[in-house]
Amino acid sequence: MINASLFWDIYAKLYDTLNLLEPYQRLHQEVLQSLDLKGGERILDAGCGTGNFEKLLQNKGLNNIKVEALDFSQAMLKRAKRKNGNHSFNRI
């Protein structure tokens, strides 16, 4: 049986393909709308994966929001940091 850490590290290589799926895109949009962010807020993204939500915030021009992003997988965090330089990504 594969251990959890190894599974997520392998999955990190494929994770961003989720961005191609409409339900995944819709989920992020719904979360963003429900938060009703105006700027200056602080949010916690526990289980941030490869930082797709953080990238969405940047694409929407919400760069003044402080995001603390956490994940279990070092490989996921590595990709998140590469994709989003201005947020704090840490291992749980």
C-alpha atoms as a PDB file:
ATOM      1  CA  MET A   1       0.000   0.000   0.000  1.00  0.00           C
ATOM      2  CA  ILE A   2       1.241   3.482  -0.893  1.00  0.00           C
ATOM      3  CA  ASN A   3       1.741   5.851   2.030  1.00  0.00           C
ATOM      4  CA  ALA A   4      -0.262   9.081   2.158  1.00  0.00           C
ATOM      5  CA  SER A   5       2.680  11.413   1.670  1.00  0.00           C
ATOM      6  CA  LEU A   6       3.869   9.585  -1.422  1.00  0.00           C
ATOM      7  CA  PHE A   7       0.343   9.532  -2.884  1.00  0.00           C
ATOM      8  CA  TRP A   8      -0.061  13.316  -2.586  1.00  0.00           C
ATOM      9  CA  ASP A   9       3.431  13.952  -3.911  1.00  0.00           C
ATOM     10  CA  ILE A  10       2.609  11.889  -7.011  1.00  0.00           C
ATOM     11  CA  TYR A  11      -0.855  13.459  -7.341  1.00  0.00           C
ATOM     12  CA  ALA A  12       0.750  16.933  -7.293  1.00  0.00           C
ATOM     13  CA  LYS A  13       2.061  16.261 -10.798  1.00  0.00           C
ATOM     14  CA  LEU A  14      -1.500  15.890 -12.109  1.00  0.00           C
ATOM     15  CA  TYR A  15      -3.420  18.150  -9.737  1.00  0.00           C
ATOM     16  CA  ASP A  16      -3.549  21.230 -11.955  1.00  0.00           C
ATOM     17  CA  THR A  17      -5.497  19.346 -14.611  1.00  0.00           C
ATOM     18  CA  LEU A  18      -8.468  19.966 -12.300  1.00  0.00           C
ATOM     19  CA  ASN A  19      -8.370  23.561 -13.537  1.00  0.00           C
ATOM     20  CA  LEU A  20      -9.676  22.302 -16.880  1.00  0.00           C
ATOM     21  CA  LEU A  21     -12.872  20.946 -15.333  1.00  0.00           C
ATOM     22  CA  GLU A  22     -15.893  23.238 -15.204  1.00  0.00           C
ATOM     23  CA  PRO A  23     -17.191  21.902 -11.843  1.00  0.00           C
ATOM     24  CA  TYR A  24     -13.810  22.652 -10.239  1.00  0.00           C
ATOM     25  CA  GLN A  25     -13.762  26.156 -11.728  1.00  0.00           C
ATOM     26  CA  ARG A  26     -17.333  26.727 -10.562  1.00  0.00           C
ATOM     27  CA  LEU A  27     -16.468  25.557  -7.047  1.00  0.00           C
ATOM     28  CA  HIS A  28     -13.661  28.096  -6.766  1.00  0.00           C
ATOM     29  CA  GLN A  29     -15.899  30.855  -8.123  1.00  0.00           C
ATOM     30  CA  GLU A  30     -18.638  29.987  -5.617  1.00  0.00           C
ATOM     31  CA  VAL A  31     -16.178  29.980  -2.722  1.00  0.00           C
ATOM     32  CA  LEU A  32     -14.774  33.316  -3.845  1.00  0.00           C
ATOM     33  CA  GLN A  33     -18.266  34.833  -4.130  1.00  0.00           C
ATOM     34  CA  SER A  34     -19.333  33.509  -0.738  1.00  0.00           C
ATOM     35  CA  LEU A  35     -16.295  35.089   0.922  1.00  0.00           C
ATOM     36  CA  ASP A  36     -17.226  38.499  -0.518  1.00  0.00           C
ATOM     37  CA  LEU A  37     -13.644  39.738  -0.213  1.00  0.00           C
ATOM     38  CA  LYS A  38     -13.102  43.471  -0.483  1.00  0.00           C
ATOM     39  CA  GLY A  39      -9.407  43.725   0.283  1.00  0.00           C
ATOM     40  CA  GLY A  40      -7.258  43.750   3.355  1.00  0.00           C
ATOM     41  CA  GLU A  41      -8.764  40.531   4.732  1.00  0.00           C
ATOM     42  CA  ARG A  42      -6.788  37.575   5.978  1.00  0.00           C
ATOM     43  CA  ILE A  43      -7.813  34.057   4.988  1.00  0.00           C
ATOM     44  CA  LEU A  44      -6.597  30.556   5.720  1.00  0.00           C
ATOM     45  CA  ASP A  45      -6.522  27.988   2.926  1.00  0.00           C
ATOM     46  CA  ALA A  46      -6.027  24.653   4.684  1.00  0.00           C
ATOM     47  CA  GLY A  47      -5.343  21.986   2.085  1.00  0.00           C
ATOM     48  CA  CYS A  48      -4.273  24.511  -0.558  1.00  0.00           C
ATOM     49  CA  GLY A  49      -2.935  21.921  -2.991  1.00  0.00           C
ATOM     50  CA  THR A  50      -0.956  23.626  -5.730  1.00  0.00           C
ATOM     51  CA  GLY A  51      -2.325  27.070  -4.915  1.00  0.00           C
ATOM     52  CA  ASN A  52      -5.137  27.238  -7.452  1.00  0.00           C
ATOM     53  CA  PHE A  53      -7.352  29.362  -5.209  1.00  0.00           C
ATOM     54  CA  GLU A  54      -4.489  31.761  -4.549  1.00  0.00           C
ATOM     55  CA  LYS A  55      -3.947  32.067  -8.306  1.00  0.00           C
ATOM     56  CA  LEU A  56      -7.644  32.841  -8.736  1.00  0.00           C
ATOM     57  CA  LEU A  57      -7.324  35.649  -6.189  1.00  0.00           C
ATOM     58  CA  GLN A  58      -4.418  37.103  -8.156  1.00  0.00           C
ATOM     59  CA  ASN A  59      -6.298  36.801 -11.455  1.00  0.00           C
ATOM     60  CA  LYS A  60      -9.249  38.665  -9.915  1.00  0.00           C
ATOM     61  CA  GLY A  61      -6.920  41.469  -8.786  1.00  0.00           C
ATOM     62  CA  LEU A  62      -7.275  40.629  -5.090  1.00  0.00           C
ATOM     63  CA  ASN A  63      -3.551  40.850  -4.360  1.00  0.00           C
ATOM     64  CA  ASN A  64      -4.040  42.829  -1.137  1.00  0.00           C
ATOM     65  CA  ILE A  65      -5.515  39.833   0.699  1.00  0.00           C
ATOM     66  CA  LYS A  66      -3.220  38.070   3.131  1.00  0.00           C
ATOM     67  CA  VAL A  67      -3.417  34.322   2.542  1.00  0.00           C
ATOM     68  CA  GLU A  68      -1.923  31.716   4.842  1.00  0.00           C
ATOM     69  CA  ALA A  69      -1.940  28.498   2.832  1.00  0.00           C
ATOM     70  CA  LEU A  70      -1.243  25.061   4.283  1.00  0.00           C
ATOM     71  CA  ASP A  71      -0.893  21.604   2.803  1.00  0.00           C
ATOM     72  CA  PHE A  72       0.387  18.170   3.802  1.00  0.00           C
ATOM     73  CA  SER A  73       2.325  17.520   0.597  1.00  0.00           C
ATOM     74  CA  GLN A  74       5.714  19.113   0.087  1.00  0.00           C
ATOM     75  CA  ALA A  75       5.338  18.602  -3.685  1.00  0.00           C
ATOM     76  CA  MET A  76       1.993  20.449  -3.704  1.00  0.00           C
ATOM     77  CA  LEU A  77       3.547  23.333  -1.782  1.00  0.00           C
ATOM     78  CA  LYS A  78       6.514  23.493  -4.126  1.00  0.00           C
ATOM     79  CA  ARG A  79       4.176  23.909  -7.092  1.00  0.00           C
ATOM     80  CA  ALA A  80       2.049  26.436  -5.196  1.00  0.00           C
ATOM     81  CA  LYS A  81       5.087  28.573  -4.399  1.00  0.00           C
ATOM     82  CA  ARG A  82       6.231  28.444  -8.016  1.00  0.00           C
ATOM     83  CA  LYS A  83       2.778  29.533  -9.183  1.00  0.00           C
ATOM     84  CA  ASN A  84       2.138  32.200  -6.502  1.00  0.00           C
ATOM     85  CA  GLY A  85       5.154  34.034  -5.212  1.00  0.00           C
ATOM     86  CA  ASN A  86       3.419  36.457  -2.869  1.00  0.00           C
ATOM     87  CA  HIS A  87       1.610  34.161  -0.444  1.00  0.00           C
ATOM     88  CA  SER A  88       2.838  32.139   2.489  1.00  0.00           C
ATOM     89  CA  PHE A  89       2.713  28.384   1.846  1.00  0.00           C
ATOM     90  CA  ASN A  90       3.566  26.065   4.730  1.00  0.00           C
ATOM     91  CA  ARG A  91       3.498  22.370   5.447  1.00  0.00           C
ATOM     92  CA  ILE A  92       0.980  21.117   7.985  1.00  0.00           C
END
